[in-house]
Amino acid sequence: MFDIKRYISDSITTKQKILNNDNLLAQIETVANVIITCYQTGNKVLTAGNGGSAADAQHFAGELVSKFFFDRPGLSAFSLSTDTSVLTAIGNDYGYEHSFSRQVQANGKPGDVFIGISTSGNSRNIITAVEMAHKQNLITVGLVGEKECEMDKICDYVIKVPSTITPTIQESQLMIEHIICAIVEDKIFTK
């Protein structure tokens, strides 16, 4: 039988590990500052993920474009998992592993930030997007789980959630995305 209390406890434990890890908190703040610099230089943020991580990528971009805590001008951000015509055309013509890299090639500019969200850190289409982002001189950020993964080796910045449980990783990744949005919004628009 599914243990509701244990599930909630595991989620809380993961967030406690984040709260008590000064290096991880510093990494979150560093990524927020990288995004702030990106915006201050007239660039944009591109996000991507698969499944629940696609929803998180879309959510993250939405918070940047619309607002988070208060009304302010929108910040340029695009989720690469939202245009079904583009995704299916690329998947059909080039293969699913190129679903995001082709969009990075077409839309990414030097100084933009690409954020790949993957609980495993080994999603093939995210990895090819990171590789393309490097070719295009974008800054790359990976949001992943605690297991060693391919994205550890290729991303400029990696934020690792201290869990191996997919839904728990996703819950904490969303919290981290919210923290980043709050820092970005505060530092850019609060005097």
Protein backbone atom coordinates (compact mmCIF):
# COMPACT_ATOMS: atom_id res chain seq x y z
CA MET A 1 0.00 0.00 0.00
CA PHE A 2 1.26 3.46 -0.88
CA ASP A 3 2.55 5.29 2.21
CA ILE A 4 1.49 8.94 1.94
CA LYS A 5 3.43 10.05 5.01
CA ARG A 6 6.63 8.40 3.78
CA TYR A 7 6.30 10.09 0.40
CA ILE A 8 5.89 13.51 2.02
CA SER A 9 8.73 12.75 4.44
CA ASP A 10 11.07 11.83 1.55
CA SER A 11 10.22 15.11 -0.18
CA ILE A 12 10.88 17.09 2.99
CA THR A 13 14.16 15.22 3.59
CA THR A 14 15.38 16.13 0.10
CA LYS A 15 14.52 19.79 0.62
CA GLN A 16 16.28 19.70 4.02
CA LYS A 17 19.40 18.35 2.29
CA ILE A 18 19.25 21.27 -0.14
CA LEU A 19 18.70 23.74 2.70
CA ASN A 20 21.71 22.40 4.60
CA ASN A 21 24.10 22.23 1.63
CA ASP A 22 25.87 25.60 1.38
CA ASN A 23 27.65 24.59 -1.84
CA LEU A 24 24.35 23.71 -3.52
CA LEU A 25 22.73 26.94 -2.34
CA ALA A 26 25.72 28.88 -3.69
CA GLN A 27 25.38 27.05 -7.03
CA ILE A 28 21.70 28.06 -7.24
CA GLU A 29 22.64 31.68 -6.57
CA THR A 30 25.46 31.51 -9.13
CA VAL A 31 23.06 30.28 -11.81
CA ALA A 32 20.62 33.06 -10.93
CA ASN A 33 23.44 35.59 -11.34
CA VAL A 34 24.42 34.05 -14.69
CA ILE A 35 20.82 34.56 -15.85
CA ILE A 36 20.83 38.14 -14.55
CA THR A 37 23.98 38.87 -16.56
CA CYS A 38 22.34 37.25 -19.58
CA TYR A 39 19.40 39.63 -19.31
CA GLN A 40 21.57 42.67 -18.59
CA THR A 41 23.42 42.04 -21.87
CA GLY A 42 20.20 41.79 -23.90
CA ASN A 43 20.10 38.01 -24.16
CA LYS A 44 17.46 35.37 -23.46
CA VAL A 45 16.87 32.05 -21.67
CA LEU A 46 15.96 28.83 -23.50
CA THR A 47 14.59 25.91 -21.48
CA ALA A 48 13.92 22.27 -22.34
CA GLY A 49 12.92 18.99 -20.76
CA ASN A 50 10.95 15.81 -21.40
CA GLY A 51 7.66 14.73 -19.79
CA GLY A 52 7.30 16.36 -16.38
CA SER A 53 10.56 18.21 -17.00
CA ALA A 54 9.02 19.65 -20.18
CA ALA A 55 6.20 21.02 -18.04
CA ASP A 56 8.80 22.44 -15.64
CA ALA A 57 10.70 24.05 -18.52
CA GLN A 58 7.50 25.65 -19.73
CA HIS A 59 6.58 26.75 -16.19
CA PHE A 60 10.04 28.27 -15.65
CA ALA A 61 9.88 30.23 -18.93
CA GLY A 62 6.36 31.39 -18.07
CA GLU A 63 7.49 32.78 -14.71
CA LEU A 64 10.27 34.76 -16.40
CA VAL A 65 8.10 36.14 -19.20
CA SER A 66 5.03 36.95 -17.09
CA LYS A 67 5.89 37.65 -13.45
CA PHE A 68 6.79 35.84 -10.28
CA PHE A 69 6.29 37.83 -7.06
CA PHE A 70 5.37 41.22 -8.51
CA ASP A 71 4.35 43.03 -11.68
CA ARG A 72 7.32 44.05 -13.83
CA PRO A 73 8.40 43.98 -17.50
CA GLY A 74 8.69 40.52 -19.03
CA LEU A 75 12.03 38.80 -19.45
CA SER A 76 12.77 36.96 -22.69
CA ALA A 77 12.49 33.18 -22.18
CA PHE A 78 11.34 30.33 -24.41
CA SER A 79 10.50 26.72 -23.63
CA LEU A 80 11.64 24.52 -26.53
CA SER A 81 9.12 21.81 -25.68
CA THR A 82 5.94 23.75 -26.47
CA ASP A 83 5.68 23.99 -30.27
CA THR A 84 4.26 20.67 -31.47
CA SER A 85 4.71 21.53 -35.15
CA VAL A 86 8.41 22.24 -34.66
CA LEU A 87 8.93 19.21 -32.40
CA THR A 88 7.19 16.79 -34.74
CA ALA A 89 8.88 18.19 -37.85
CA ILE A 90 12.32 17.83 -36.28
CA GLY A 91 11.47 14.40 -34.87
CA ASN A 92 10.25 13.21 -38.25
CA ASP A 93 13.04 14.74 -40.33
CA TYR A 94 16.06 14.40 -38.03
CA GLY A 95 15.10 12.14 -35.10
CA TYR A 96 13.81 12.84 -31.61
CA GLU A 97 17.32 13.26 -30.21
CA HIS A 98 17.57 16.51 -32.23
CA SER A 99 14.23 17.95 -31.04
CA PHE A 100 15.93 20.62 -28.93
CA SER A 101 19.39 20.95 -30.54
CA ARG A 102 17.86 22.04 -33.84
CA GLN A 103 15.91 24.76 -32.01
CA VAL A 104 19.03 25.87 -30.14
CA GLN A 105 20.88 26.07 -33.47
CA ALA A 106 18.07 28.13 -35.01
CA ASN A 107 17.33 30.44 -32.07
CA GLY A 108 20.32 30.48 -29.73
CA LYS A 109 22.75 33.38 -29.77
CA PRO A 110 26.07 33.85 -27.96
CA GLY A 111 25.40 34.90 -24.38
CA ASP A 112 21.98 33.24 -24.17
CA VAL A 113 21.46 30.68 -21.41
CA PHE A 114 20.22 27.17 -22.19
CA ILE A 115 18.70 25.32 -19.22
CA GLY A 116 18.26 21.58 -19.65
CA ILE A 117 16.03 19.88 -17.09
CA SER A 118 16.48 16.12 -16.73
CA THR A 119 16.01 13.96 -13.66
CA SER A 120 18.51 11.38 -14.99
CA GLY A 121 20.90 13.88 -16.56
CA ASN A 122 21.24 11.48 -19.49
CA SER A 123 18.34 12.47 -21.78
CA ARG A 124 19.75 12.20 -25.30
CA ASN A 125 17.85 15.19 -26.72
CA ILE A 126 18.95 17.41 -23.81
CA ILE A 127 22.57 16.31 -24.22
CA THR A 128 22.57 17.09 -27.96
CA ALA A 129 21.00 20.48 -27.14
CA VAL A 130 23.79 21.22 -24.63
CA GLU A 131 26.39 20.23 -27.24
CA MET A 132 24.76 22.54 -29.81
CA ALA A 133 24.52 25.31 -27.22
CA HIS A 134 28.29 25.12 -26.73
CA LYS A 135 28.82 25.35 -30.51
CA GLN A 136 26.61 28.47 -30.52
CA ASN A 137 28.44 29.96 -27.47
CA LEU A 138 25.47 29.75 -25.11
CA ILE A 139 25.93 29.25 -21.39
CA THR A 140 24.57 25.86 -20.32
CA VAL A 141 22.85 24.89 -17.10
CA GLY A 142 21.73 21.40 -16.11
CA LEU A 143 19.13 20.62 -13.46
CA VAL A 144 19.56 16.93 -12.62
CA GLY A 145 19.27 14.31 -9.86
CA GLU A 146 22.12 13.22 -7.61
CA LYS A 147 23.41 10.30 -9.71
CA GLU A 148 26.53 10.86 -11.80
CA CYS A 149 25.40 11.65 -15.33
CA GLU A 150 26.45 12.85 -18.77
CA MET A 151 25.25 16.40 -18.10
CA ASP A 152 27.74 16.64 -15.19
CA LYS A 153 30.52 16.49 -17.77
CA ILE A 154 29.18 18.86 -20.41
CA CYS A 155 27.20 21.65 -18.72
CA ASP A 156 28.83 24.87 -17.58
CA TYR A 157 26.75 24.75 -14.40
CA VAL A 158 24.96 21.77 -12.85
CA ILE A 159 22.46 21.91 -10.01
CA LYS A 160 22.08 18.41 -8.56
CA VAL A 161 19.02 17.58 -6.46
CA PRO A 162 20.09 15.14 -3.70
CA SER A 163 17.66 12.35 -4.58
CA THR A 164 17.31 9.38 -6.92
CA ILE A 165 13.49 9.38 -6.89
CA THR A 166 12.14 10.99 -10.08
CA PRO A 167 9.05 12.76 -8.66
CA THR A 168 11.02 13.96 -5.63
CA ILE A 169 13.73 15.34 -7.93
CA GLN A 170 11.09 17.13 -10.00
CA GLU A 171 9.46 18.68 -6.91
CA SER A 172 12.80 20.07 -5.77
CA GLN A 173 13.76 21.20 -9.26
CA LEU A 174 10.57 23.26 -9.39
CA MET A 175 11.43 24.81 -6.02
CA ILE A 176 14.92 25.65 -7.32
CA GLU A 177 13.45 27.18 -10.48
CA HIS A 178 11.17 29.33 -8.31
CA ILE A 179 14.14 30.44 -6.19
CA ILE A 180 16.06 31.40 -9.33
CA CYS A 181 13.06 33.36 -10.65
CA ALA A 182 12.74 35.19 -7.35
CA ILE A 183 16.44 36.14 -7.29
CA VAL A 184 16.43 37.26 -10.92
CA GLU A 185 13.27 39.32 -10.51
CA ASP A 186 14.47 40.90 -7.27
CA LYS A 187 17.94 41.84 -8.50
CA ILE A 188 16.82 43.19 -11.87
CA PHE A 189 13.73 45.11 -10.81
CA THR A 190 14.08 46.01 -7.12
CA LYS A 191 15.94 49.24 -6.45
